[in-house]
């Protein structure tokens, strides 16, 4: 049996209505001036937010940066 759109909407509203959050936008994202290099420095202090933003951990990011580049040869 398929659920109706209204049932899906009801579940969605119920899920987010009962969800407790400390904040909707992380404070470090509110403080940025849109400067990418400043954001990276701030995110480095919040590994969980770094993971969400880049979809990889700080360790994985460092490993990626450490890979040889064409101009290194």
Protein backbone atom coordinates (compact mmCIF):
# COMPACT_ATOMS: atom_id res chain seq x y z
CA UNK A 1 0.00 0.00 0.00
CA UNK A 2 1.43 3.37 -0.98
CA UNK A 3 1.42 6.26 1.43
CA UNK A 4 -0.25 9.43 0.34
CA UNK A 5 1.52 12.72 0.00
CA UNK A 6 -0.31 14.10 3.04
CA UNK A 7 0.93 11.18 5.16
CA UNK A 8 4.49 11.87 4.01
CA UNK A 9 4.05 15.56 4.80
CA UNK A 10 2.69 14.73 8.24
CA UNK A 11 5.65 12.48 9.03
CA UNK A 12 8.09 15.11 7.80
CA UNK A 13 6.50 17.85 9.94
CA UNK A 14 6.35 15.56 12.98
CA UNK A 15 10.00 14.56 12.59
CA UNK A 16 11.33 18.11 12.38
CA UNK A 17 8.90 19.58 14.90
CA UNK A 18 10.11 17.21 17.63
CA UNK A 19 13.76 17.50 16.76
CA UNK A 20 15.83 19.41 19.33
CA UNK A 21 18.60 21.62 18.02
CA UNK A 22 21.15 23.82 19.69
CA UNK A 23 21.10 26.09 16.66
CA UNK A 24 19.97 25.98 13.02
CA UNK A 25 23.11 27.53 11.55
CA UNK A 26 26.45 26.77 13.16
CA UNK A 27 27.97 29.93 14.68
CA UNK A 28 31.19 29.61 12.67
CA UNK A 29 29.21 29.84 9.45
CA UNK A 30 27.52 33.03 10.64
CA UNK A 31 30.88 34.64 11.41
CA UNK A 32 32.50 34.09 8.03
CA UNK A 33 32.90 36.83 5.51
CA UNK A 34 32.61 34.37 2.64
CA UNK A 35 36.35 33.87 2.56
CA UNK A 36 37.06 30.22 1.81
CA UNK A 37 40.53 30.18 3.36
CA UNK A 38 39.20 31.67 6.61
CA UNK A 39 36.40 29.14 6.73
CA UNK A 40 38.83 26.22 6.44
CA UNK A 41 40.84 27.53 9.40
CA UNK A 42 37.68 27.82 11.49
CA UNK A 43 36.31 24.43 10.41
CA UNK A 44 39.60 22.78 11.38
CA UNK A 45 38.64 23.41 15.03
CA UNK A 46 35.28 21.65 14.54
CA UNK A 47 36.02 18.24 12.98
CA UNK A 48 32.34 17.28 12.90
CA UNK A 49 31.43 20.43 10.93
CA UNK A 50 34.50 19.94 8.70
CA UNK A 51 33.18 16.47 7.85
CA UNK A 52 29.75 17.84 6.98
CA UNK A 53 31.12 20.69 4.84
CA UNK A 54 33.77 18.73 2.89
CA UNK A 55 32.22 15.23 3.11
CA UNK A 56 35.57 13.93 4.38
CA UNK A 57 37.43 13.98 7.67
CA UNK A 58 40.34 16.30 8.45
CA UNK A 59 42.68 13.28 8.20
CA UNK A 60 41.31 12.35 4.76
CA UNK A 61 41.65 15.97 3.63
CA UNK A 62 45.30 16.04 4.78
CA UNK A 63 45.98 12.77 2.96
CA UNK A 64 44.49 14.22 -0.22
CA UNK A 65 46.65 17.33 0.06
CA UNK A 66 49.76 15.20 0.62
CA UNK A 67 49.33 13.31 -2.67
CA UNK A 68 51.96 14.19 -5.29
CA UNK A 69 51.00 16.80 -7.83
CA UNK A 70 52.06 16.78 -11.51
CA UNK A 71 54.45 19.71 -10.95
CA UNK A 72 56.19 17.71 -8.17
CA UNK A 73 57.67 15.28 -10.73
